[in-house]
């Protein structure tokens, strides 16, 4: 049992500074990547109910559920945003002309700040479950992404890594 408690405290320390009750920079970076991977809408992206369900399904295998979505929208910072909706079926107008045009619809969702508020609580109270979620999303125990679910994500990471390497080489040349 002492071993379990030490593990929980170690994992928690990777996620949150208990004294200041703030997320570590590594955890904040991870959550920023996750938020923008799932967020939708303009002008400010939010986690819409659909995005919350996708994130929950990807990180736990289960959907978030309407009750949890309603509670999250009430407890954490949220706002209305415009989300592009693609019709799931052709709609005919009065003249029987098929209309299958994308539309912008107002949807309430969790803001980035609200997402960080939610995870600050979760990281403090449930560090093991939080790490389980992060592992399912492709992150390792150092909170670095090491697994991609599709070629587009892997390619974007490769391009970013190449850019970072070029910037690092340029910086080191300036020091010579």
N, C-alpha and C. Protein backbone atom coordinates (compact mmCIF):
# COMPACT_ATOMS: atom_id res chain seq x y z
N UNK A 1 0.82 -1.22 0.00
CA UNK A 1 0.00 0.00 0.00
C UNK A 1 0.85 1.27 0.00
N UNK A 2 1.98 1.25 0.71
CA UNK A 2 2.86 2.42 0.70
C UNK A 2 3.39 2.67 -0.70
N UNK A 3 3.66 1.57 -1.44
CA UNK A 3 4.12 1.67 -2.82
C UNK A 3 3.06 2.34 -3.69
N UNK A 4 1.79 1.96 -3.51
CA UNK A 4 0.70 2.56 -4.27
C UNK A 4 0.59 4.05 -3.99
N UNK A 5 0.72 4.42 -2.72
CA UNK A 5 0.61 5.83 -2.35
C UNK A 5 1.75 6.64 -2.97
N UNK A 6 2.96 6.08 -2.97
CA UNK A 6 4.10 6.76 -3.58
C UNK A 6 3.89 6.94 -5.09
N UNK A 7 3.36 5.92 -5.74
CA UNK A 7 3.08 6.01 -7.18
C UNK A 7 2.06 7.11 -7.45
N UNK A 8 0.99 7.14 -6.68
CA UNK A 8 -0.05 8.16 -6.87
C UNK A 8 0.54 9.55 -6.69
N UNK A 9 1.35 9.74 -5.65
CA UNK A 9 1.95 11.04 -5.40
C UNK A 9 2.92 11.44 -6.51
N UNK A 10 3.70 10.45 -7.00
CA UNK A 10 4.62 10.74 -8.10
C UNK A 10 3.84 11.18 -9.35
N UNK A 11 2.83 10.40 -9.71
CA UNK A 11 2.03 10.74 -10.90
C UNK A 11 1.38 12.11 -10.73
N UNK A 12 0.81 12.36 -9.57
CA UNK A 12 0.18 13.66 -9.31
C UNK A 12 1.20 14.78 -9.48
N UNK A 13 2.43 14.57 -9.02
CA UNK A 13 3.46 15.62 -9.11
C UNK A 13 3.85 15.91 -10.56
N UNK A 14 3.65 14.96 -11.45
CA UNK A 14 3.92 15.19 -12.87
C UNK A 14 2.82 16.04 -13.52
N UNK A 15 1.65 16.04 -12.91
CA UNK A 15 0.49 16.72 -13.47
C UNK A 15 0.23 18.10 -12.87
N UNK A 16 0.42 18.22 -11.56
CA UNK A 16 -0.02 19.43 -10.87
C UNK A 16 0.92 19.77 -9.72
N UNK A 17 1.12 21.06 -9.51
CA UNK A 17 1.86 21.55 -8.34
C UNK A 17 0.84 21.68 -7.22
N UNK A 18 0.93 20.81 -6.24
CA UNK A 18 -0.08 20.77 -5.17
C UNK A 18 -0.08 22.06 -4.35
N UNK A 19 1.10 22.66 -4.12
CA UNK A 19 1.16 23.89 -3.31
C UNK A 19 0.42 25.04 -3.98
N UNK A 20 0.61 25.20 -5.30
CA UNK A 20 -0.02 26.32 -6.00
C UNK A 20 -1.33 25.92 -6.66
N UNK A 21 -1.61 24.60 -6.68
CA UNK A 21 -2.81 24.06 -7.33
C UNK A 21 -2.88 24.48 -8.81
N UNK A 22 -1.72 24.45 -9.45
CA UNK A 22 -1.65 24.77 -10.88
C UNK A 22 -1.06 23.58 -11.63
N UNK A 23 -1.44 23.45 -12.87
CA UNK A 23 -0.93 22.38 -13.71
C UNK A 23 0.55 22.61 -14.00
N UNK A 24 1.32 21.52 -14.12
CA UNK A 24 2.71 21.65 -14.52
C UNK A 24 2.76 22.12 -15.97
N UNK A 25 3.91 22.66 -16.38
CA UNK A 25 4.00 23.13 -17.76
C UNK A 25 3.88 21.96 -18.74
N UNK A 26 4.43 20.79 -18.40
CA UNK A 26 4.30 19.63 -19.29
C UNK A 26 2.84 19.22 -19.44
N UNK A 27 2.10 19.24 -18.35
CA UNK A 27 0.68 18.88 -18.41
C UNK A 27 -0.11 19.93 -19.20
N UNK A 28 0.20 21.20 -18.98
CA UNK A 28 -0.47 22.27 -19.73
C UNK A 28 -0.20 22.13 -21.22
N UNK A 29 1.04 21.82 -21.60
CA UNK A 29 1.37 21.63 -23.02
C UNK A 29 0.58 20.47 -23.60
N UNK A 30 0.51 19.36 -22.88
CA UNK A 30 -0.26 18.20 -23.33
C UNK A 30 -1.73 18.57 -23.52
N UNK A 31 -2.30 19.23 -22.52
CA UNK A 31 -3.72 19.60 -22.59
C UNK A 31 -3.99 20.60 -23.70
N UNK A 32 -3.04 21.46 -24.00
CA UNK A 32 -3.20 22.40 -25.12
C UNK A 32 -3.29 21.62 -26.43
N UNK A 33 -2.39 20.64 -26.61
CA UNK A 33 -2.44 19.82 -27.81
C UNK A 33 -3.77 19.07 -27.92
N UNK A 34 -4.21 18.49 -26.81
CA UNK A 34 -5.46 17.71 -26.82
C UNK A 34 -6.65 18.61 -27.11
N UNK A 35 -6.71 19.76 -26.45
CA UNK A 35 -7.85 20.67 -26.65
C UNK A 35 -7.97 21.04 -28.12
N UNK A 36 -6.88 21.48 -28.73
CA UNK A 36 -6.96 21.95 -30.12
C UNK A 36 -7.10 20.80 -31.12
N UNK A 37 -6.79 19.59 -30.70
CA UNK A 37 -7.04 18.43 -31.56
C UNK A 37 -8.55 18.16 -31.67
N UNK A 38 -9.30 18.45 -30.60
CA UNK A 38 -10.72 18.13 -30.57
C UNK A 38 -11.64 19.34 -30.71
N UNK A 39 -11.14 20.54 -30.45
CA UNK A 39 -11.98 21.74 -30.43
C UNK A 39 -12.56 22.06 -31.80
N UNK A 40 -13.71 22.72 -31.77
CA UNK A 40 -14.40 23.12 -33.00
C UNK A 40 -14.89 24.56 -32.83
N UNK A 41 -15.21 25.18 -33.96
CA UNK A 41 -15.91 26.45 -33.92
C UNK A 41 -15.05 27.66 -34.23
N UNK A 42 -15.76 28.75 -34.53
CA UNK A 42 -15.13 30.04 -34.77
C UNK A 42 -15.99 31.11 -34.10
N UNK A 43 -15.50 32.23 -33.69
CA UNK A 43 -14.12 32.65 -33.83
C UNK A 43 -13.20 31.99 -32.79
N UNK A 44 -13.73 31.55 -31.67
CA UNK A 44 -12.91 30.90 -30.65
C UNK A 44 -13.33 29.44 -30.53
N UNK A 45 -12.39 28.52 -30.78
CA UNK A 45 -12.75 27.10 -30.68
C UNK A 45 -13.12 26.72 -29.25
N UNK A 46 -14.05 25.79 -29.13
CA UNK A 46 -14.49 25.24 -27.85
C UNK A 46 -14.64 23.74 -28.00
N UNK A 47 -14.74 23.06 -26.87
CA UNK A 47 -15.09 21.64 -26.91
C UNK A 47 -16.60 21.56 -26.89
N UNK A 48 -17.18 21.30 -28.03
CA UNK A 48 -18.63 21.16 -28.14
C UNK A 48 -19.05 19.83 -27.50
N UNK A 49 -20.34 19.64 -27.28
CA UNK A 49 -20.78 18.34 -26.75
C UNK A 49 -20.29 17.16 -27.61
N UNK A 50 -20.33 17.30 -28.93
CA UNK A 50 -19.82 16.22 -29.80
C UNK A 50 -18.33 16.00 -29.60
N UNK A 51 -17.58 17.10 -29.47
CA UNK A 51 -16.13 16.99 -29.26
C UNK A 51 -15.83 16.37 -27.90
N UNK A 52 -16.61 16.73 -26.87
CA UNK A 52 -16.41 16.13 -25.55
C UNK A 52 -16.63 14.62 -25.61
N UNK A 53 -17.67 14.20 -26.34
CA UNK A 53 -17.93 12.77 -26.49
C UNK A 53 -16.79 12.06 -27.23
N UNK A 54 -16.28 12.69 -28.31
CA UNK A 54 -15.17 12.08 -29.07
C UNK A 54 -13.92 11.94 -28.20
N UNK A 55 -13.61 13.01 -27.46
CA UNK A 55 -12.44 12.99 -26.59
C UNK A 55 -12.60 11.90 -25.52
N UNK A 56 -13.76 11.85 -24.90
CA UNK A 56 -13.99 10.85 -23.85
C UNK A 56 -13.90 9.44 -24.41
N UNK A 57 -14.46 9.23 -25.60
CA UNK A 57 -14.43 7.90 -26.22
C UNK A 57 -12.99 7.51 -26.55
N UNK A 58 -12.22 8.46 -27.07
CA UNK A 58 -10.82 8.17 -27.41
C UNK A 58 -9.96 7.93 -26.17
N UNK A 59 -10.29 8.59 -25.06
CA UNK A 59 -9.44 8.49 -23.86
C UNK A 59 -9.88 7.43 -22.87
N UNK A 60 -11.15 7.01 -22.95
CA UNK A 60 -11.64 6.01 -21.97
C UNK A 60 -12.39 4.85 -22.62
N UNK A 61 -12.77 5.01 -23.88
CA UNK A 61 -13.56 3.98 -24.54
C UNK A 61 -15.05 4.16 -24.38
N UNK A 62 -15.47 5.16 -23.59
CA UNK A 62 -16.90 5.41 -23.35
C UNK A 62 -17.22 6.86 -23.70
N UNK A 63 -18.48 7.11 -24.06
CA UNK A 63 -18.88 8.49 -24.32
C UNK A 63 -19.06 9.23 -22.99
N UNK A 64 -19.06 10.54 -23.08
CA UNK A 64 -19.16 11.39 -21.89
C UNK A 64 -20.58 11.38 -21.33
N UNK A 65 -21.58 11.34 -22.21
CA UNK A 65 -22.97 11.30 -21.76
C UNK A 65 -23.54 12.69 -21.52
N UNK A 66 -24.80 12.84 -21.82
CA UNK A 66 -25.45 14.14 -21.75
C UNK A 66 -25.44 14.75 -20.35
N UNK A 67 -25.65 13.95 -19.29
CA UNK A 67 -25.62 14.49 -17.93
C UNK A 67 -24.27 15.09 -17.59
N UNK A 68 -23.19 14.39 -17.96
CA UNK A 68 -21.84 14.91 -17.69
C UNK A 68 -21.54 16.14 -18.54
N UNK A 69 -22.02 16.14 -19.77
CA UNK A 69 -21.83 17.30 -20.64
C UNK A 69 -22.53 18.51 -20.05
N UNK A 70 -23.79 18.33 -19.63
CA UNK A 70 -24.54 19.44 -19.03
C UNK A 70 -23.85 19.97 -17.77
N UNK A 71 -23.35 19.06 -16.94
CA UNK A 71 -22.66 19.46 -15.71
C UNK A 71 -21.37 20.23 -16.04
N UNK A 72 -20.61 19.75 -17.02
CA UNK A 72 -19.36 20.42 -17.40
C UNK A 72 -19.64 21.82 -17.94
N UNK A 73 -20.67 21.94 -18.76
CA UNK A 73 -21.01 23.25 -19.33
C UNK A 73 -21.45 24.23 -18.23
N UNK A 74 -22.02 23.70 -17.17
CA UNK A 74 -22.47 24.55 -16.06
C UNK A 74 -21.32 24.90 -15.12
N UNK A 75 -20.43 23.94 -14.86
CA UNK A 75 -19.38 24.13 -13.85
C UNK A 75 -18.14 24.88 -14.36
N UNK A 76 -17.83 24.74 -15.64
CA UNK A 76 -16.59 25.29 -16.17
C UNK A 76 -16.88 26.34 -17.23
N UNK A 77 -15.91 27.22 -17.45
CA UNK A 77 -16.12 28.30 -18.41
C UNK A 77 -16.52 27.73 -19.76
N UNK A 78 -17.60 28.27 -20.29
CA UNK A 78 -18.09 27.84 -21.60
C UNK A 78 -18.63 29.05 -22.33
N UNK A 79 -18.81 28.90 -23.63
CA UNK A 79 -19.38 29.99 -24.41
C UNK A 79 -19.97 29.46 -25.70
N UNK A 80 -20.77 30.28 -26.33
CA UNK A 80 -21.37 29.95 -27.62
C UNK A 80 -20.33 30.19 -28.71
N UNK A 81 -20.36 29.36 -29.72
CA UNK A 81 -19.50 29.55 -30.88
C UNK A 81 -20.22 29.03 -32.11
N UNK A 82 -19.73 29.41 -33.27
CA UNK A 82 -20.31 28.91 -34.52
C UNK A 82 -19.58 27.65 -34.95
N UNK A 83 -20.35 26.61 -35.23
CA UNK A 83 -19.79 25.34 -35.68
C UNK A 83 -20.43 25.01 -37.02
N UNK A 84 -19.60 24.61 -37.97
CA UNK A 84 -20.11 24.23 -39.29
C UNK A 84 -20.77 22.86 -39.18
N UNK A 85 -22.02 22.79 -39.60
CA UNK A 85 -22.76 21.53 -39.60
C UNK A 85 -22.94 21.07 -41.03
N UNK A 86 -22.59 19.83 -41.27
CA UNK A 86 -22.78 19.23 -42.58
C UNK A 86 -24.06 18.41 -42.50
N UNK A 87 -25.00 18.67 -43.39
CA UNK A 87 -26.26 17.92 -43.33
C UNK A 87 -26.03 16.43 -43.48
N UNK A 88 -26.79 15.66 -42.72
CA UNK A 88 -26.66 14.20 -42.80
C UNK A 88 -27.58 13.63 -43.87
N UNK A 89 -28.48 14.46 -44.36
CA UNK A 89 -29.37 14.01 -45.44
C UNK A 89 -29.75 15.21 -46.30
N UNK A 90 -30.18 14.96 -47.50
CA UNK A 90 -30.60 16.03 -48.39
C UNK A 90 -31.96 16.53 -47.95
N UNK A 91 -32.09 17.84 -47.83
CA UNK A 91 -33.35 18.46 -47.44
C UNK A 91 -33.92 19.13 -48.68
N UNK A 92 -35.20 18.97 -48.90
CA UNK A 92 -35.82 19.61 -50.05
C UNK A 92 -36.63 20.81 -49.58
N UNK A 93 -36.51 21.89 -50.33
CA UNK A 93 -37.30 23.07 -49.99
C UNK A 93 -38.68 22.95 -50.62
N UNK A 94 -39.46 23.99 -50.52
CA UNK A 94 -40.84 23.95 -51.02
C UNK A 94 -40.90 23.65 -52.51
N UNK A 95 -39.85 24.00 -53.24
CA UNK A 95 -39.83 23.75 -54.68
C UNK A 95 -39.18 22.43 -55.03
N UNK A 96 -38.95 21.59 -54.03
CA UNK A 96 -38.33 20.28 -54.20
C UNK A 96 -36.93 20.34 -54.81
N UNK A 97 -36.20 21.41 -54.47
CA UNK A 97 -34.81 21.53 -54.91
C UNK A 97 -33.94 20.99 -53.77
N UNK A 98 -33.12 19.99 -54.03
CA UNK A 98 -32.27 19.46 -52.95
C UNK A 98 -31.33 20.53 -52.40
N UNK A 99 -31.26 20.61 -51.07
CA UNK A 99 -30.37 21.57 -50.41
C UNK A 99 -29.51 20.79 -49.42
N UNK A 100 -28.27 20.65 -49.76
CA UNK A 100 -27.36 19.96 -48.84
C UNK A 100 -26.16 20.86 -48.55
N UNK A 101 -26.46 22.08 -48.14
CA UNK A 101 -25.46 23.11 -47.91
C UNK A 101 -25.01 23.08 -46.45
N UNK A 102 -23.70 23.22 -46.23
CA UNK A 102 -23.19 23.34 -44.87
C UNK A 102 -23.78 24.60 -44.23
N UNK A 103 -24.04 24.52 -42.93
CA UNK A 103 -24.58 25.67 -42.21
C UNK A 103 -23.76 25.90 -40.95
N UNK A 104 -23.65 27.17 -40.53
CA UNK A 104 -23.05 27.49 -39.25
C UNK A 104 -24.15 27.52 -38.21
N UNK A 105 -23.92 26.83 -37.09
CA UNK A 105 -24.92 26.73 -36.03
C UNK A 105 -24.27 27.15 -34.72
N UNK A 106 -25.02 27.87 -33.88
CA UNK A 106 -24.53 28.26 -32.55
C UNK A 106 -24.54 27.03 -31.63
N UNK A 107 -23.39 26.75 -31.01
CA UNK A 107 -23.27 25.63 -30.08
C UNK A 107 -22.50 26.11 -28.86
N UNK A 108 -22.94 25.67 -27.68
CA UNK A 108 -22.23 26.01 -26.45
C UNK A 108 -21.19 24.93 -26.19
N UNK A 109 -19.99 25.36 -25.80
CA UNK A 109 -18.92 24.41 -25.52
C UNK A 109 -17.98 24.94 -24.45
N UNK A 110 -17.13 24.05 -23.96
CA UNK A 110 -16.14 24.39 -22.95
C UNK A 110 -14.99 25.14 -23.61
N UNK A 111 -14.61 26.28 -23.03
CA UNK A 111 -13.47 27.04 -23.55
C UNK A 111 -12.16 26.36 -23.13
N UNK A 112 -11.06 26.84 -23.67
CA UNK A 112 -9.75 26.31 -23.28
C UNK A 112 -9.55 26.51 -21.78
N UNK A 113 -9.91 27.70 -21.28
CA UNK A 113 -9.78 27.96 -19.84
C UNK A 113 -10.63 26.98 -19.03
N UNK A 114 -11.85 26.73 -19.48
CA UNK A 114 -12.71 25.78 -18.80
C UNK A 114 -12.15 24.37 -18.83
N UNK A 115 -11.54 24.00 -19.96
CA UNK A 115 -10.91 22.68 -20.11
C UNK A 115 -9.78 22.52 -19.09
N UNK A 116 -8.96 23.58 -18.94
CA UNK A 116 -7.88 23.54 -17.95
C UNK A 116 -8.44 23.49 -16.53
N UNK A 117 -9.55 24.19 -16.27
CA UNK A 117 -10.18 24.12 -14.95
C UNK A 117 -10.62 22.69 -14.64
N UNK A 118 -11.26 22.06 -15.60
CA UNK A 118 -11.73 20.68 -15.43
C UNK A 118 -10.55 19.75 -15.13
N UNK A 119 -9.49 19.85 -15.93
CA UNK A 119 -8.36 18.95 -15.75
C UNK A 119 -7.54 19.27 -14.51
N UNK A 120 -7.54 20.50 -14.04
CA UNK A 120 -6.84 20.80 -12.80
C UNK A 120 -7.45 20.00 -11.66
N UNK A 121 -8.76 19.95 -11.62
CA UNK A 121 -9.46 19.17 -10.59
C UNK A 121 -9.19 17.68 -10.78
N UNK A 122 -9.32 17.21 -12.03
CA UNK A 122 -9.12 15.78 -12.28
C UNK A 122 -7.68 15.35 -11.96
N UNK A 123 -6.70 16.15 -12.34
CA UNK A 123 -5.30 15.80 -12.09
C UNK A 123 -5.02 15.70 -10.59
N UNK A 124 -5.62 16.57 -9.81
CA UNK A 124 -5.40 16.56 -8.37
C UNK A 124 -6.09 15.36 -7.72
N UNK A 125 -7.33 15.11 -8.12
CA UNK A 125 -8.13 14.06 -7.45
C UNK A 125 -7.90 12.66 -8.02
N UNK A 126 -7.63 12.54 -9.32
CA UNK A 126 -7.56 11.23 -9.98
C UNK A 126 -6.33 11.11 -10.88
N UNK A 127 -5.11 11.17 -10.32
CA UNK A 127 -3.92 11.15 -11.19
C UNK A 127 -3.76 9.85 -11.98
N UNK A 128 -4.10 8.72 -11.40
CA UNK A 128 -3.94 7.46 -12.12
C UNK A 128 -4.91 7.40 -13.30
N UNK A 129 -6.16 7.76 -13.09
CA UNK A 129 -7.13 7.77 -14.19
C UNK A 129 -6.74 8.78 -15.25
N UNK A 130 -6.19 9.91 -14.83
CA UNK A 130 -5.75 10.94 -15.78
C UNK A 130 -4.62 10.39 -16.66
N UNK A 131 -3.65 9.73 -16.04
CA UNK A 131 -2.56 9.14 -16.83
C UNK A 131 -3.09 8.07 -17.77
N UNK A 132 -4.05 7.26 -17.30
CA UNK A 132 -4.66 6.25 -18.18
C UNK A 132 -5.24 6.92 -19.43
N UNK A 133 -5.95 8.04 -19.23
CA UNK A 133 -6.53 8.77 -20.36
C UNK A 133 -5.43 9.28 -21.29
N UNK A 134 -4.39 9.87 -20.72
CA UNK A 134 -3.32 10.43 -21.53
C UNK A 134 -2.62 9.33 -22.33
N UNK A 135 -2.43 8.16 -21.71
CA UNK A 135 -1.82 7.03 -22.43
C UNK A 135 -2.69 6.62 -23.61
N UNK A 136 -4.00 6.58 -23.41
CA UNK A 136 -4.93 6.22 -24.49
C UNK A 136 -4.88 7.25 -25.63
N UNK A 137 -4.57 8.50 -25.30
CA UNK A 137 -4.50 9.56 -26.30
C UNK A 137 -3.13 9.63 -26.99
N UNK A 138 -2.21 8.73 -26.60
CA UNK A 138 -0.93 8.65 -27.28
C UNK A 138 0.23 9.32 -26.57
N UNK A 139 0.09 9.62 -25.28
CA UNK A 139 1.16 10.26 -24.52
C UNK A 139 1.84 9.25 -23.61
N UNK A 140 3.11 9.53 -23.27
CA UNK A 140 3.84 8.61 -22.39
C UNK A 140 3.87 9.16 -20.97
N UNK A 141 4.63 8.49 -20.10
CA UNK A 141 4.68 8.89 -18.69
C UNK A 141 5.43 10.20 -18.48
N UNK A 142 6.10 10.70 -19.53
CA UNK A 142 6.76 12.01 -19.47
C UNK A 142 5.86 13.09 -20.05
N UNK A 143 4.63 12.70 -20.39
CA UNK A 143 3.61 13.60 -20.96
C UNK A 143 3.99 14.08 -22.36
N UNK A 144 4.75 13.26 -23.06
CA UNK A 144 5.12 13.56 -24.44
C UNK A 144 4.35 12.66 -25.37
N UNK A 145 3.93 13.19 -26.48
CA UNK A 145 3.17 12.40 -27.44
C UNK A 145 4.09 11.45 -28.19
N UNK A 146 3.75 10.18 -28.17
CA UNK A 146 4.59 9.19 -28.83
C UNK A 146 3.80 8.24 -29.72
N UNK A 147 2.53 8.52 -29.91
CA UNK A 147 1.68 7.63 -30.70
C UNK A 147 0.66 8.49 -31.44
N UNK A 148 0.46 8.20 -32.70
CA UNK A 148 -0.46 8.97 -33.53
C UNK A 148 -1.51 8.02 -34.10
N UNK A 149 -2.73 8.50 -34.21
CA UNK A 149 -3.83 7.63 -34.65
C UNK A 149 -4.04 7.67 -36.15
N UNK A 150 -3.38 8.62 -36.84
CA UNK A 150 -3.51 8.64 -38.29
C UNK A 150 -2.27 9.29 -38.91
N UNK A 151 -2.13 9.09 -40.21
CA UNK A 151 -0.96 9.56 -40.92
C UNK A 151 -0.83 11.09 -40.88
N UNK A 152 -1.95 11.79 -40.95
CA UNK A 152 -1.92 13.26 -40.92
C UNK A 152 -1.28 13.76 -39.62
N UNK A 153 -1.68 13.19 -38.47
CA UNK A 153 -1.11 13.61 -37.19
C UNK A 153 0.38 13.30 -37.13
N UNK A 154 0.78 12.12 -37.61
CA UNK A 154 2.19 11.73 -37.60
C UNK A 154 3.01 12.66 -38.49
N UNK A 155 2.48 13.00 -39.67
CA UNK A 155 3.17 13.89 -40.60
C UNK A 155 3.34 15.28 -40.00
N UNK A 156 2.28 15.80 -39.37
CA UNK A 156 2.37 17.11 -38.73
C UNK A 156 3.45 17.12 -37.66
N UNK A 157 3.54 16.04 -36.88
CA UNK A 157 4.55 15.95 -35.83
C UNK A 157 5.95 15.91 -36.43
N UNK A 158 6.10 15.19 -37.52
CA UNK A 158 7.40 15.10 -38.19
C UNK A 158 7.84 16.45 -38.73
N UNK A 159 6.92 17.18 -39.36
CA UNK A 159 7.22 18.51 -39.89
C UNK A 159 7.63 19.45 -38.75
N UNK A 160 6.88 19.41 -37.64
CA UNK A 160 7.20 20.26 -36.49
C UNK A 160 8.56 19.90 -35.91
N UNK A 161 8.86 18.62 -35.80
CA UNK A 161 10.16 18.20 -35.28
C UNK A 161 11.29 18.68 -36.18
N UNK A 162 11.10 18.61 -37.50
CA UNK A 162 12.12 19.10 -38.43
C UNK A 162 12.32 20.60 -38.30
N UNK A 163 11.21 21.34 -38.13
CA UNK A 163 11.31 22.80 -37.93
C UNK A 163 12.05 23.12 -36.64
N UNK A 164 11.72 22.38 -35.58
CA UNK A 164 12.40 22.60 -34.29
C UNK A 164 13.89 22.31 -34.42
N UNK A 165 14.26 21.24 -35.13
CA UNK A 165 15.67 20.90 -35.33
C UNK A 165 16.40 22.00 -36.09
N UNK A 166 15.76 22.54 -37.16
CA UNK A 166 16.36 23.62 -37.93
C UNK A 166 16.58 24.85 -37.05
N UNK A 167 15.57 25.19 -36.23
CA UNK A 167 15.68 26.34 -35.34
C UNK A 167 16.78 26.14 -34.32
N UNK A 168 16.90 24.91 -33.79
CA UNK A 168 17.95 24.63 -32.81
C UNK A 168 19.34 24.73 -33.44
N UNK A 169 19.49 24.22 -34.69
CA UNK A 169 20.78 24.31 -35.38
C UNK A 169 21.13 25.77 -35.65
N UNK A 170 20.15 26.55 -36.06
CA UNK A 170 20.39 27.98 -36.35
C UNK A 170 20.81 28.70 -35.05
N UNK A 171 20.17 28.37 -33.94
CA UNK A 171 20.52 29.00 -32.67
C UNK A 171 21.93 28.64 -32.25
N UNK A 172 22.30 27.37 -32.45
CA UNK A 172 23.66 26.96 -32.04
C UNK A 172 24.72 27.61 -32.94
N UNK A 173 24.41 27.85 -34.21
CA UNK A 173 25.36 28.53 -35.09
C UNK A 173 25.57 29.97 -34.64
N UNK A 174 24.53 30.60 -34.13
CA UNK A 174 24.67 31.97 -33.66
C UNK A 174 25.57 32.05 -32.44
N UNK A 175 25.67 30.97 -31.67
CA UNK A 175 26.49 30.97 -30.47
C UNK A 175 27.98 30.77 -30.77
N UNK A 176 28.27 30.30 -31.98
CA UNK A 176 29.68 30.02 -32.33
C UNK A 176 30.44 31.28 -32.63
